[in-house]
Amino acid sequence: MKVLIVESNPDLGGLWQRHLERQGGEVTLVAGQEAAILALYGTAFDIIVLDLVLETESALAVADFASYRRPNTRVIFVTNTTFFSDGSIFAHSPNACAYVQSSTPPEDLAAMVAHYAAGR
């Protein structure tokens, strides 16, 4: 399974990356919008783990680009805020498949990634 992680916090992104690689995932970790879009140009990812609140760029722009460029790629949004906690993220992003807190245990996130990427 090919996974793109878009996370501004390198420690958190690295933690997720290690857990996914232990499950056999081929993981690309980037810190922001520009790098994510460049990665999506060159690779068909099965799933994206996308921090909804990037430091200086737009996570929704990444999700929008993914839905256009890679329409079969699903997105798991992670956040440490209550923004979109009403579930409206699913109305804004057609490729959204999950919305979880950044504090979700990495093994649980890895299980979700494996589940949603299956069959892609």
PDB file of N, CA and C in Angstrom:
ATOM      1  N   MET A   1       0.846  -1.175   0.000  1.00  0.00           N
ATOM      2  CA  MET A   1       0.000   0.000   0.000  1.00  0.00           C
ATOM      3  C   MET A   1       0.889   1.235   0.000  1.00  0.00           C
ATOM      4  N   LYS A   2       0.514   2.193  -0.817  1.00  0.00           N
ATOM      5  CA  LYS A   2       1.265   3.450  -0.916  1.00  0.00           C
ATOM      6  C   LYS A   2       0.525   4.523  -0.140  1.00  0.00           C
ATOM      7  N   VAL A   3       1.255   5.151   0.805  1.00  0.00           N
ATOM      8  CA  VAL A   3       0.656   6.120   1.709  1.00  0.00           C
ATOM      9  C   VAL A   3       1.410   7.444   1.622  1.00  0.00           C
ATOM     10  N   LEU A   4       0.651   8.522   1.531  1.00  0.00           N
ATOM     11  CA  LEU A   4       1.222   9.865   1.612  1.00  0.00           C
ATOM     12  C   LEU A   4       0.784  10.463   2.940  1.00  0.00           C
ATOM     13  N   ILE A   5       1.743  10.869   3.758  1.00  0.00           N
ATOM     14  CA  ILE A   5       1.452  11.563   5.008  1.00  0.00           C
ATOM     15  C   ILE A   5       1.812  13.028   4.805  1.00  0.00           C
ATOM     16  N   VAL A   6       0.846  13.912   5.091  1.00  0.00           N
ATOM     17  CA  VAL A   6       1.079  15.351   5.012  1.00  0.00           C
ATOM     18  C   VAL A   6       0.907  15.889   6.425  1.00  0.00           C
ATOM     19  N   GLU A   7       2.033  16.171   7.071  1.00  0.00           N
ATOM     20  CA  GLU A   7       2.031  16.565   8.484  1.00  0.00           C
ATOM     21  C   GLU A   7       3.145  17.566   8.735  1.00  0.00           C
ATOM     22  N   SER A   8       2.783  18.731   9.286  1.00  0.00           N
ATOM     23  CA  SER A   8       3.756  19.788   9.573  1.00  0.00           C
ATOM     24  C   SER A   8       4.690  19.441  10.733  1.00  0.00           C
ATOM     25  N   ASN A   9       4.226  18.643  11.668  1.00  0.00           N
ATOM     26  CA  ASN A   9       5.030  18.253  12.824  1.00  0.00           C
ATOM     27  C   ASN A   9       5.846  17.017  12.449  1.00  0.00           C
ATOM     28  N   PRO A  10       7.169  17.177  12.265  1.00  0.00           N
ATOM     29  CA  PRO A  10       7.976  16.042  11.809  1.00  0.00           C
ATOM     30  C   PRO A  10       8.014  14.877  12.801  1.00  0.00           C
ATOM     31  N   ASP A  11       7.917  15.160  14.086  1.00  0.00           N
ATOM     32  CA  ASP A  11       7.914  14.075  15.069  1.00  0.00           C
ATOM     33  C   ASP A  11       6.664  13.212  14.936  1.00  0.00           C
ATOM     34  N   LEU A  12       5.519  13.857  14.817  1.00  0.00           N
ATOM     35  CA  LEU A  12       4.260  13.131  14.684  1.00  0.00           C
ATOM     36  C   LEU A  12       4.203  12.396  13.346  1.00  0.00           C
ATOM     37  N   GLY A  13       4.589  13.075  12.281  1.00  0.00           N
ATOM     38  CA  GLY A  13       4.613  12.432  10.968  1.00  0.00           C
ATOM     39  C   GLY A  13       5.544  11.230  10.939  1.00  0.00           C
ATOM     40  N   GLY A  14       6.699  11.365  11.565  1.00  0.00           N
ATOM     41  CA  GLY A  14       7.659  10.258  11.622  1.00  0.00           C
ATOM     42  C   GLY A  14       7.130   9.076  12.416  1.00  0.00           C
ATOM     43  N   LEU A  15       6.416   9.364  13.488  1.00  0.00           N
ATOM     44  CA  LEU A  15       5.809   8.304  14.301  1.00  0.00           C
ATOM     45  C   LEU A  15       4.803   7.514  13.460  1.00  0.00           C
ATOM     46  N   TRP A  16       3.926   8.225  12.759  1.00  0.00           N
ATOM     47  CA  TRP A  16       2.959   7.552  11.895  1.00  0.00           C
ATOM     48  C   TRP A  16       3.662   6.767  10.795  1.00  0.00           C
ATOM     49  N   GLN A  17       4.693   7.375  10.217  1.00  0.00           N
ATOM     50  CA  GLN A  17       5.427   6.720   9.133  1.00  0.00           C
ATOM     51  C   GLN A  17       6.024   5.399   9.591  1.00  0.00           C
ATOM     52  N   ARG A  18       6.652   5.379  10.751  1.00  0.00           N
ATOM     53  CA  ARG A  18       7.263   4.145  11.259  1.00  0.00           C
ATOM     54  C   ARG A  18       6.219   3.053  11.471  1.00  0.00           C
ATOM     55  N   HIS A  19       5.081   3.402  12.029  1.00  0.00           N
ATOM     56  CA  HIS A  19       4.033   2.403  12.251  1.00  0.00           C
ATOM     57  C   HIS A  19       3.507   1.837  10.930  1.00  0.00           C
ATOM     58  N   LEU A  20       3.335   2.688   9.947  1.00  0.00           N
ATOM     59  CA  LEU A  20       2.830   2.229   8.654  1.00  0.00           C
ATOM     60  C   LEU A  20       3.863   1.393   7.902  1.00  0.00           C
ATOM     61  N   GLU A  21       5.120   1.750   8.014  1.00  0.00           N
ATOM     62  CA  GLU A  21       6.174   0.973   7.368  1.00  0.00           C
ATOM     63  C   GLU A  21       6.306  -0.407   8.006  1.00  0.00           C
ATOM     64  N   ARG A  22       6.089  -0.494   9.315  1.00  0.00           N
ATOM     65  CA  ARG A  22       6.118  -1.804   9.985  1.00  0.00           C
ATOM     66  C   ARG A  22       4.994  -2.703   9.470  1.00  0.00           C
ATOM     67  N   GLN A  23       3.918  -2.104   8.981  1.00  0.00           N
ATOM     68  CA  GLN A  23       2.814  -2.877   8.400  1.00  0.00           C
ATOM     69  C   GLN A  23       3.049  -3.174   6.919  1.00  0.00           C
ATOM     70  N   GLY A  24       4.191  -2.769   6.420  1.00  0.00           N
ATOM     71  CA  GLY A  24       4.515  -3.044   5.025  1.00  0.00           C
ATOM     72  C   GLY A  24       4.158  -1.929   4.061  1.00  0.00           C
ATOM     73  N   GLY A  25       3.754  -0.785   4.597  1.00  0.00           N
ATOM     74  CA  GLY A  25       3.402   0.333   3.739  1.00  0.00           C
ATOM     75  C   GLY A  25       4.617   1.008   3.129  1.00  0.00           C
ATOM     76  N   GLU A  26       4.433   1.522   1.930  1.00  0.00           N
ATOM     77  CA  GLU A  26       5.439   2.354   1.270  1.00  0.00           C
ATOM     78  C   GLU A  26       5.005   3.790   1.532  1.00  0.00           C
ATOM     79  N   VAL A  27       5.731   4.489   2.419  1.00  0.00           N
ATOM     80  CA  VAL A  27       5.259   5.758   2.953  1.00  0.00           C
ATOM     81  C   VAL A  27       6.121   6.918   2.479  1.00  0.00           C
ATOM     82  N   THR A  28       5.453   7.979   2.031  1.00  0.00           N
ATOM     83  CA  THR A  28       6.103   9.239   1.710  1.00  0.00           C
ATOM     84  C   THR A  28       5.596  10.262   2.713  1.00  0.00           C
ATOM     85  N   LEU A  29       6.523  10.920   3.395  1.00  0.00           N
ATOM     86  CA  LEU A  29       6.178  11.932   4.394  1.00  0.00           C
ATOM     87  C   LEU A  29       6.590  13.302   3.873  1.00  0.00           C
ATOM     88  N   VAL A  30       5.615  14.224   3.836  1.00  0.00           N
ATOM     89  CA  VAL A  30       5.898  15.599   3.429  1.00  0.00           C
ATOM     90  C   VAL A  30       5.311  16.548   4.475  1.00  0.00           C
ATOM     91  N   ALA A  31       5.804  17.784   4.478  1.00  0.00           N
ATOM     92  CA  ALA A  31       5.412  18.730   5.522  1.00  0.00           C
ATOM     93  C   ALA A  31       4.323  19.710   5.107  1.00  0.00           C
ATOM     94  N   GLY A  32       4.023  19.809   3.815  1.00  0.00           N
ATOM     95  CA  GLY A  32       3.059  20.828   3.438  1.00  0.00           C
ATOM     96  C   GLY A  32       2.436  20.627   2.078  1.00  0.00           C
ATOM     97  N   GLN A  33       1.654  21.612   1.696  1.00  0.00           N
ATOM     98  CA  GLN A  33       0.843  21.583   0.480  1.00  0.00           C
ATOM     99  C   GLN A  33       1.677  21.409  -0.789  1.00  0.00           C
ATOM    100  N   GLU A  34       2.683  22.227  -0.954  1.00  0.00           N
ATOM    101  CA  GLU A  34       3.469  22.183  -2.193  1.00  0.00           C
ATOM    102  C   GLU A  34       4.120  20.816  -2.394  1.00  0.00           C
ATOM    103  N   ALA A  35       4.736  20.287  -1.358  1.00  0.00           N
ATOM    104  CA  ALA A  35       5.386  18.980  -1.462  1.00  0.00           C
ATOM    105  C   ALA A  35       4.363  17.870  -1.691  1.00  0.00           C
ATOM    106  N   ALA A  36       3.199  17.995  -1.075  1.00  0.00           N
ATOM    107  CA  ALA A  36       2.150  16.991  -1.259  1.00  0.00           C
ATOM    108  C   ALA A  36       1.660  16.977  -2.707  1.00  0.00           C
ATOM    109  N   ILE A  37       1.451  18.146  -3.272  1.00  0.00           N
ATOM    110  CA  ILE A  37       0.978  18.230  -4.653  1.00  0.00           C
ATOM    111  C   ILE A  37       2.027  17.688  -5.617  1.00  0.00           C
ATOM    112  N   LEU A  38       3.293  17.989  -5.362  1.00  0.00           N
ATOM    113  CA  LEU A  38       4.359  17.426  -6.201  1.00  0.00           C
ATOM    114  C   LEU A  38       4.384  15.905  -6.100  1.00  0.00           C
ATOM    115  N   ALA A  39       4.196  15.378  -4.904  1.00  0.00           N
ATOM    116  CA  ALA A  39       4.171  13.924  -4.719  1.00  0.00           C
ATOM    117  C   ALA A  39       2.989  13.303  -5.470  1.00  0.00           C
ATOM    118  N   LEU A  40       1.840  13.963  -5.430  1.00  0.00           N
ATOM    119  CA  LEU A  40       0.649  13.442  -6.110  1.00  0.00           C
ATOM    120  C   LEU A  40       0.782  13.476  -7.628  1.00  0.00           C
ATOM    121  N   TYR A  41       1.583  14.401  -8.150  1.00  0.00           N
ATOM    122  CA  TYR A  41       1.843  14.418  -9.587  1.00  0.00           C
ATOM    123  C   TYR A  41       2.541  13.133 -10.022  1.00  0.00           C
ATOM    124  N   GLY A  42       3.489  12.679  -9.190  1.00  0.00           N
ATOM    125  CA  GLY A  42       4.335  11.564  -9.607  1.00  0.00           C
ATOM    126  C   GLY A  42       3.916  10.187  -9.147  1.00  0.00           C
ATOM    127  N   THR A  43       3.050  10.088  -8.154  1.00  0.00           N
ATOM    128  CA  THR A  43       2.737   8.790  -7.570  1.00  0.00           C
ATOM    129  C   THR A  43       1.245   8.646  -7.335  1.00  0.00           C
ATOM    130  N   ALA A  44       0.744   7.458  -7.628  1.00  0.00           N
ATOM    131  CA  ALA A  44      -0.651   7.133  -7.327  1.00  0.00           C
ATOM    132  C   ALA A  44      -0.691   6.501  -5.936  1.00  0.00           C
ATOM    133  N   PHE A  45      -1.040   7.287  -4.939  1.00  0.00           N
ATOM    134  CA  PHE A  45      -1.127   6.780  -3.570  1.00  0.00           C
ATOM    135  C   PHE A  45      -2.478   6.108  -3.360  1.00  0.00           C
ATOM    136  N   ASP A  46      -2.492   5.113  -2.482  1.00  0.00           N
ATOM    137  CA  ASP A  46      -3.743   4.461  -2.116  1.00  0.00           C
ATOM    138  C   ASP A  46      -4.524   5.316  -1.126  1.00  0.00           C
ATOM    139  N   ILE A  47      -3.780   6.003  -0.261  1.00  0.00           N
ATOM    140  CA  ILE A  47      -4.422   6.767   0.799  1.00  0.00           C
ATOM    141  C   ILE A  47      -3.512   7.904   1.244  1.00  0.00           C
ATOM    142  N   ILE A  48      -4.138   8.972   1.734  1.00  0.00           N
ATOM    143  CA  ILE A  48      -3.410  10.121   2.264  1.00  0.00           C
ATOM    144  C   ILE A  48      -3.827  10.317   3.709  1.00  0.00           C
ATOM    145  N   VAL A  49      -2.845  10.474   4.583  1.00  0.00           N
ATOM    146  CA  VAL A  49      -3.094  10.886   5.965  1.00  0.00           C
ATOM    147  C   VAL A  49      -2.745  12.363   5.994  1.00  0.00           C
ATOM    148  N   LEU A  50      -3.752  13.203   6.206  1.00  0.00           N
ATOM    149  CA  LEU A  50      -3.605  14.643   5.993  1.00  0.00           C
ATOM    150  C   LEU A  50      -4.005  15.423   7.230  1.00  0.00           C
ATOM    151  N   ASP A  51      -3.048  16.155   7.784  1.00  0.00           N
ATOM    152  CA  ASP A  51      -3.345  17.028   8.924  1.00  0.00           C
ATOM    153  C   ASP A  51      -4.209  18.170   8.418  1.00  0.00           C
ATOM    154  N   LEU A  52      -5.357  18.324   9.009  1.00  0.00           N
ATOM    155  CA  LEU A  52      -6.303  19.348   8.574  1.00  0.00           C
ATOM    156  C   LEU A  52      -5.785  20.761   8.803  1.00  0.00           C
ATOM    157  N   VAL A  53      -4.883  20.933   9.776  1.00  0.00           N
ATOM    158  CA  VAL A  53      -4.353  22.258  10.096  1.00  0.00           C
ATOM    159  C   VAL A  53      -2.846  22.239   9.868  1.00  0.00           C
ATOM    160  N   LEU A  54      -2.452  22.473   8.622  1.00  0.00           N
ATOM    161  CA  LEU A  54      -1.031  22.566   8.306  1.00  0.00           C
ATOM    162  C   LEU A  54      -0.502  23.903   8.795  1.00  0.00           C
ATOM    163  N   GLU A  55       0.795  23.962   9.072  1.00  0.00           N
ATOM    164  CA  GLU A  55       1.385  25.173   9.640  1.00  0.00           C
ATOM    165  C   GLU A  55       1.126  26.426   8.825  1.00  0.00           C
ATOM    166  N   THR A  56       1.419  26.376   7.530  1.00  0.00           N
ATOM    167  CA  THR A  56       1.310  27.601   6.732  1.00  0.00           C
ATOM    168  C   THR A  56       0.536  27.423   5.441  1.00  0.00           C
ATOM    169  N   GLU A  57       0.034  26.244   5.186  1.00  0.00           N
ATOM    170  CA  GLU A  57      -0.607  25.994   3.904  1.00  0.00           C
ATOM    171  C   GLU A  57      -1.982  25.365   4.093  1.00  0.00           C
ATOM    172  N   SER A  58      -2.632  25.010   3.007  1.00  0.00           N
ATOM    173  CA  SER A  58      -4.010  24.545   3.047  1.00  0.00           C
ATOM    174  C   SER A  58      -4.143  23.038   2.832  1.00  0.00           C
ATOM    175  N   ALA A  59      -4.655  22.358   3.834  1.00  0.00           N
ATOM    176  CA  ALA A  59      -4.917  20.930   3.717  1.00  0.00           C
ATOM    177  C   ALA A  59      -6.056  20.678   2.725  1.00  0.00           C
ATOM    178  N   LEU A  60      -7.042  21.558   2.714  1.00  0.00           N
ATOM    179  CA  LEU A  60      -8.164  21.369   1.788  1.00  0.00           C
ATOM    180  C   LEU A  60      -7.719  21.496   0.334  1.00  0.00           C
ATOM    181  N   ALA A  61      -6.705  22.324   0.072  1.00  0.00           N
ATOM    182  CA  ALA A  61      -6.165  22.416  -1.286  1.00  0.00           C
ATOM    183  C   ALA A  61      -5.524  21.088  -1.693  1.00  0.00           C
ATOM    184  N   VAL A  62      -4.849  20.440  -0.755  1.00  0.00           N
ATOM    185  CA  VAL A  62      -4.251  19.128  -1.033  1.00  0.00           C
ATOM    186  C   VAL A  62      -5.354  18.113  -1.320  1.00  0.00           C
ATOM    187  N   ALA A  63      -6.386  18.086  -0.490  1.00  0.00           N
ATOM    188  CA  ALA A  63      -7.494  17.147  -0.688  1.00  0.00           C
ATOM    189  C   ALA A  63      -8.207  17.410  -2.010  1.00  0.00           C
ATOM    190  N   ASP A  64      -8.415  18.677  -2.352  1.00  0.00           N
ATOM    191  CA  ASP A  64      -9.054  19.030  -3.624  1.00  0.00           C
ATOM    192  C   ASP A  64      -8.212  18.569  -4.808  1.00  0.00           C
ATOM    193  N   PHE A  65      -6.910  18.820  -4.729  1.00  0.00           N
ATOM    194  CA  PHE A  65      -6.031  18.405  -5.812  1.00  0.00           C
ATOM    195  C   PHE A  65      -6.034  16.882  -5.947  1.00  0.00           C
ATOM    196  N   ALA A  66      -5.998  16.182  -4.810  1.00  0.00           N
ATOM    197  CA  ALA A  66      -6.017  14.720  -4.840  1.00  0.00           C
ATOM    198  C   ALA A  66      -7.304  14.202  -5.474  1.00  0.00           C
ATOM    199  N   SER A  67      -8.432  14.833  -5.159  1.00  0.00           N
ATOM    200  CA  SER A  67      -9.697  14.361  -5.738  1.00  0.00           C
ATOM    201  C   SER A  67      -9.742  14.585  -7.248  1.00  0.00           C
ATOM    202  N   TYR A  68      -9.026  15.592  -7.721  1.00  0.00           N
ATOM    203  CA  TYR A  68      -8.947  15.863  -9.155  1.00  0.00           C
ATOM    204  C   TYR A  68      -7.914  14.969  -9.843  1.00  0.00           C
ATOM    205  N   ARG A  69      -6.698  14.971  -9.298  1.00  0.00           N
ATOM    206  CA  ARG A  69      -5.579  14.269  -9.932  1.00  0.00           C
ATOM    207  C   ARG A  69      -5.609  12.768  -9.686  1.00  0.00           C
ATOM    208  N   ARG A  70      -6.001  12.368  -8.485  1.00  0.00           N
ATOM    209  CA  ARG A  70      -6.023  10.958  -8.071  1.00  0.00           C
ATOM    210  C   ARG A  70      -7.380  10.646  -7.435  1.00  0.00           C
ATOM    211  N   PRO A  71      -8.449  10.585  -8.223  1.00  0.00           N
ATOM    212  CA  PRO A  71      -9.793  10.458  -7.661  1.00  0.00           C
ATOM    213  C   PRO A  71     -10.039   9.196  -6.841  1.00  0.00           C
ATOM    214  N   ASN A  72      -9.234   8.162  -7.019  1.00  0.00           N
ATOM    215  CA  ASN A  72      -9.412   6.935  -6.238  1.00  0.00           C
ATOM    216  C   ASN A  72      -8.651   6.954  -4.921  1.00  0.00           C
ATOM    217  N   THR A  73      -7.868   7.988  -4.696  1.00  0.00           N
ATOM    218  CA  THR A  73      -7.100   8.095  -3.460  1.00  0.00           C
ATOM    219  C   THR A  73      -7.992   8.635  -2.351  1.00  0.00           C
ATOM    220  N   ARG A  74      -8.070   7.889  -1.254  1.00  0.00           N
ATOM    221  CA  ARG A  74      -8.895   8.307  -0.123  1.00  0.00           C
ATOM    222  C   ARG A  74      -8.061   9.134   0.845  1.00  0.00           C
ATOM    223  N   VAL A  75      -8.742   9.908   1.685  1.00  0.00           N
ATOM    224  CA  VAL A  75      -8.053  10.801   2.621  1.00  0.00           C
ATOM    225  C   VAL A  75      -8.571  10.556   4.036  1.00  0.00           C
ATOM    226  N   ILE A  76      -7.636  10.342   4.948  1.00  0.00           N
ATOM    227  CA  ILE A  76      -7.942  10.337   6.375  1.00  0.00           C
ATOM    228  C   ILE A  76      -7.459  11.676   6.909  1.00  0.00           C
ATOM    229  N   PHE A  77      -8.391  12.483   7.374  1.00  0.00           N
ATOM    230  CA  PHE A  77      -8.042  13.772   7.966  1.00  0.00           C
ATOM    231  C   PHE A  77      -7.750  13.578   9.445  1.00  0.00           C
ATOM    232  N   VAL A  78      -6.661  14.194   9.907  1.00  0.00           N
ATOM    233  CA  VAL A  78      -6.338  14.206  11.332  1.00  0.00           C
ATOM    234  C   VAL A  78      -6.249  15.658  11.785  1.00  0.00           C
ATOM    235  N   THR A  79      -6.591  15.891  13.035  1.00  0.00           N
ATOM    236  CA  THR A  79      -6.543  17.261  13.548  1.00  0.00           C
ATOM    237  C   THR A  79      -6.418  17.254  15.058  1.00  0.00           C
ATOM    238  N   ASN A  80      -5.923  18.347  15.588  1.00  0.00           N
ATOM    239  CA  ASN A  80      -5.874  18.529  17.040  1.00  0.00           C
ATOM    240  C   ASN A  80      -6.843  19.626  17.467  1.00  0.00           C
ATOM    241  N   THR A  81      -7.802  19.942  16.585  1.00  0.00           N
ATOM    242  CA  THR A  81      -8.803  20.969  16.878  1.00  0.00           C
ATOM    243  C   THR A  81     -10.202  20.352  16.801  1.00  0.00           C
ATOM    244  N   THR A  82     -11.201  21.151  17.105  1.00  0.00           N
ATOM    245  CA  THR A  82     -12.582  20.686  16.971  1.00  0.00           C
ATOM    246  C   THR A  82     -13.214  21.183  15.675  1.00  0.00           C
ATOM    247  N   PHE A  83     -12.410  21.854  14.846  1.00  0.00           N
ATOM    248  CA  PHE A  83     -12.909  22.342  13.566  1.00  0.00           C
ATOM    249  C   PHE A  83     -13.379  21.158  12.726  1.00  0.00           C
ATOM    250  N   PHE A  84     -14.529  21.234  12.123  1.00  0.00           N
ATOM    251  CA  PHE A  84     -15.151  20.170  11.336  1.00  0.00           C
ATOM    252  C   PHE A  84     -15.603  18.977  12.184  1.00  0.00           C
ATOM    253  N   SER A  85     -15.648  19.140  13.497  1.00  0.00           N
ATOM    254  CA  SER A  85     -16.055  18.020  14.353  1.00  0.00           C
ATOM    255  C   SER A  85     -17.514  17.636  14.136  1.00  0.00           C
ATOM    256  N   ASP A  86     -18.255  18.467  13.424  1.00  0.00           N
ATOM    257  CA  ASP A  86     -19.647  18.147  13.106  1.00  0.00           C
ATOM    258  C   ASP A  86     -19.767  17.189  11.922  1.00  0.00           C
ATOM    259  N   GLY A  87     -18.634  16.786  11.351  1.00  0.00           N
ATOM    260  CA  GLY A  87     -18.641  15.859  10.224  1.00  0.00           C
ATOM    261  C   GLY A  87     -18.759  16.529   8.866  1.00  0.00           C
ATOM    262  N   SER A  88     -18.791  17.852   8.841  1.00  0.00           N
ATOM    263  CA  SER A  88     -18.966  18.553   7.571  1.00  0.00           C
ATOM    264  C   SER A  88     -17.769  18.397   6.627  1.00  0.00           C
ATOM    265  N   ILE A  89     -16.654  17.897   7.127  1.00  0.00           N
ATOM    266  CA  ILE A  89     -15.494  17.663   6.258  1.00  0.00           C
ATOM    267  C   ILE A  89     -15.871  16.725   5.116  1.00  0.00           C
ATOM    268  N   PHE A  90     -16.816  15.818   5.372  1.00  0.00           N
ATOM    269  CA  PHE A  90     -17.223  14.868   4.345  1.00  0.00           C
ATOM    270  C   PHE A  90     -18.013  15.546   3.223  1.00  0.00           C
ATOM    271  N   ALA A  91     -18.609  16.692   3.516  1.00  0.00           N
ATOM    272  CA  ALA A  91     -19.299  17.471   2.486  1.00  0.00           C
ATOM    273  C   ALA A  91     -18.311  18.316   1.681  1.00  0.00           C
ATOM    274  N   HIS A  92     -17.186  18.670   2.284  1.00  0.00           N
ATOM    275  CA  HIS A  92     -16.191  19.514   1.628  1.00  0.00           C
ATOM    276  C   HIS A  92     -15.173  18.722   0.822  1.00  0.00           C
ATOM    277  N   SER A  93     -14.983  17.469   1.186  1.00  0.00           N
ATOM    278  CA  SER A  93     -13.955  16.661   0.539  1.00  0.00           C
ATOM    279  C   SER A  93     -14.542  15.310   0.130  1.00  0.00           C
ATOM    280  N   PRO A  94     -14.795  15.118  -1.157  1.00  0.00           N
ATOM    281  CA  PRO A  94     -15.442  13.879  -1.595  1.00  0.00           C
ATOM    282  C   PRO A  94     -14.612  12.616  -1.387  1.00  0.00           C
ATOM    283  N   ASN A  95     -13.302  12.770  -1.218  1.00  0.00           N
ATOM    284  CA  ASN A  95     -12.446  11.607  -1.019  1.00  0.00           C
ATOM    285  C   ASN A  95     -12.138  11.346   0.455  1.00  0.00           C
ATOM    286  N   ALA A  96     -12.768  12.101   1.352  1.00  0.00           N
ATOM    287  CA  ALA A  96     -12.575  11.880   2.798  1.00  0.00           C
ATOM    288  C   ALA A  96     -13.219  10.562   3.197  1.00  0.00           C
ATOM    289  N   CYS A  97     -12.488   9.781   3.974  1.00  0.00           N
ATOM    290  CA  CYS A  97     -13.047   8.513   4.456  1.00  0.00           C
ATOM    291  C   CYS A  97     -13.050   8.447   5.976  1.00  0.00           C
ATOM    292  N   ALA A  98     -12.280   9.314   6.630  1.00  0.00           N
ATOM    293  CA  ALA A  98     -12.243   9.311   8.095  1.00  0.00           C
ATOM    294  C   ALA A  98     -11.755  10.661   8.597  1.00  0.00           C
ATOM    295  N   TYR A  99     -12.109  10.935   9.836  1.00  0.00           N
ATOM    296  CA  TYR A  99     -11.725  12.181  10.516  1.00  0.00           C
ATOM    297  C   TYR A  99     -11.409  11.803  11.951  1.00  0.00           C
ATOM    298  N   VAL A 100     -10.143  11.927  12.337  1.00  0.00           N
ATOM    299  CA  VAL A 100      -9.718  11.506  13.676  1.00  0.00           C
ATOM    300  C   VAL A 100      -8.839  12.572  14.326  1.00  0.00           C
ATOM    301  N   GLN A 101      -8.686  12.463  15.619  1.00  0.00           N
ATOM    302  CA  GLN A 101      -7.824  13.365  16.364  1.00  0.00           C
ATOM    303  C   GLN A 101      -6.351  12.989  16.166  1.00  0.00           C
ATOM    304  N   SER A 102      -5.483  13.983  16.205  1.00  0.00           N
ATOM    305  CA  SER A 102      -4.038  13.755  16.074  1.00  0.00           C
ATOM    306  C   SER A 102      -3.510  12.863  17.182  1.00  0.00           C
ATOM    307  N   SER A 103      -4.206  12.853  18.298  1.00  0.00           N
ATOM    308  CA  SER A 103      -3.772  12.044  19.439  1.00  0.00           C
ATOM    309  C   SER A 103      -4.207  10.577  19.334  1.00  0.00           C
ATOM    310  N   THR A 104      -4.849  10.210  18.234  1.00  0.00           N
ATOM    311  CA  THR A 104      -5.228   8.813  18.020  1.00  0.00           C
ATOM    312  C   THR A 104      -3.968   7.957  18.099  1.00  0.00           C
ATOM    313  N   PRO A 105      -4.003   6.846  18.849  1.00  0.00           N
ATOM    314  CA  PRO A 105      -2.807   5.989  18.920  1.00  0.00           C
ATOM    315  C   PRO A 105      -2.345   5.589  17.516  1.00  0.00           C
ATOM    316  N   PRO A 106      -1.035   5.651  17.274  1.00  0.00           N
ATOM    317  CA  PRO A 106      -0.536   5.391  15.922  1.00  0.00           C
ATOM    318  C   PRO A 106      -0.895   4.003  15.406  1.00  0.00           C
ATOM    319  N   GLU A 107      -1.005   3.022  16.299  1.00  0.00           N
ATOM    320  CA  GLU A 107      -1.388   1.690  15.835  1.00  0.00           C
ATOM    321  C   GLU A 107      -2.850   1.666  15.361  1.00  0.00           C
ATOM    322  N   ASP A 108      -3.701   2.495  15.978  1.00  0.00           N
ATOM    323  CA  ASP A 108      -5.089   2.606  15.528  1.00  0.00           C
ATOM    324  C   ASP A 108      -5.158   3.314  14.171  1.00  0.00           C
ATOM    325  N   LEU A 109      -4.378   4.362  14.010  1.00  0.00           N
ATOM    326  CA  LEU A 109      -4.333   5.068  12.732  1.00  0.00           C
ATOM    327  C   LEU A 109      -3.822   4.132  11.642  1.00  0.00           C
ATOM    328  N   ALA A 110      -2.798   3.356  11.959  1.00  0.00           N
ATOM    329  CA  ALA A 110      -2.251   2.403  10.976  1.00  0.00           C
ATOM    330  C   ALA A 110      -3.302   1.373  10.583  1.00  0.00           C
ATOM    331  N   ALA A 111      -4.105   0.924  11.527  1.00  0.00           N
ATOM    332  CA  ALA A 111      -5.176  -0.033  11.220  1.00  0.00           C
ATOM    333  C   ALA A 111      -6.224   0.600  10.306  1.00  0.00           C
ATOM    334  N   MET A 112      -6.544   1.872  10.562  1.00  0.00           N
ATOM    335  CA  MET A 112      -7.504   2.563   9.704  1.00  0.00           C
ATOM    336  C   MET A 112      -6.955   2.726   8.281  1.00  0.00           C
ATOM    337  N   VAL A 113      -5.684   3.078   8.192  1.00  0.00           N
ATOM    338  CA  VAL A 113      -5.057   3.227   6.879  1.00  0.00           C
ATOM    339  C   VAL A 113      -5.124   1.899   6.122  1.00  0.00           C
ATOM    340  N   ALA A 114      -4.779   0.807   6.785  1.00  0.00           N
ATOM    341  CA  ALA A 114      -4.815  -0.508   6.136  1.00  0.00           C
ATOM    342  C   ALA A 114      -6.243  -0.850   5.686  1.00  0.00           C
ATOM    343  N   HIS A 115      -7.201  -0.539   6.522  1.00  0.00           N
ATOM    344  CA  HIS A 115      -8.607  -0.841   6.187  1.00  0.00           C
ATOM    345  C   HIS A 115      -9.066  -0.044   4.978  1.00  0.00           C
ATOM    346  N   TYR A 116      -8.858   1.264   4.998  1.00  0.00           N
ATOM    347  CA  TYR A 116      -9.361   2.102   3.911  1.00  0.00           C
ATOM    348  C   TYR A 116      -8.553   1.978   2.621  1.00  0.00           C
ATOM    349  N   ALA A 117      -7.311   1.553   2.725  1.00  0.00           N
ATOM    350  CA  ALA A 117      -6.475   1.394   1.523  1.00  0.00           C
ATOM    351  C   ALA A 117      -6.670   0.018   0.883  1.00  0.00           C
ATOM    352  N   ALA A 118      -7.305  -0.897   1.600  1.00  0.00           N
ATOM    353  CA  ALA A 118      -7.487  -2.261   1.085  1.00  0.00           C
ATOM    354  C   ALA A 118      -8.288  -2.233  -0.221  1.00  0.00           C
ATOM    355  N   GLY A 119      -7.802  -3.001  -1.154  1.00  0.00           N
ATOM    356  CA  GLY A 119      -8.510  -3.106  -2.423  1.00  0.00           C
ATOM    357  C   GLY A 119      -8.325  -1.937  -3.357  1.00  0.00           C
ATOM    358  N   ARG A 120      -7.449  -1.047  -3.023  1.00  0.00           N
ATOM    359  CA  ARG A 120      -7.210   0.120  -3.890  1.00  0.00           C
ATOM    360  C   ARG A 120      -6.084  -0.178  -4.829  1.00  0.00           C
TER     361      ARG A 120
END
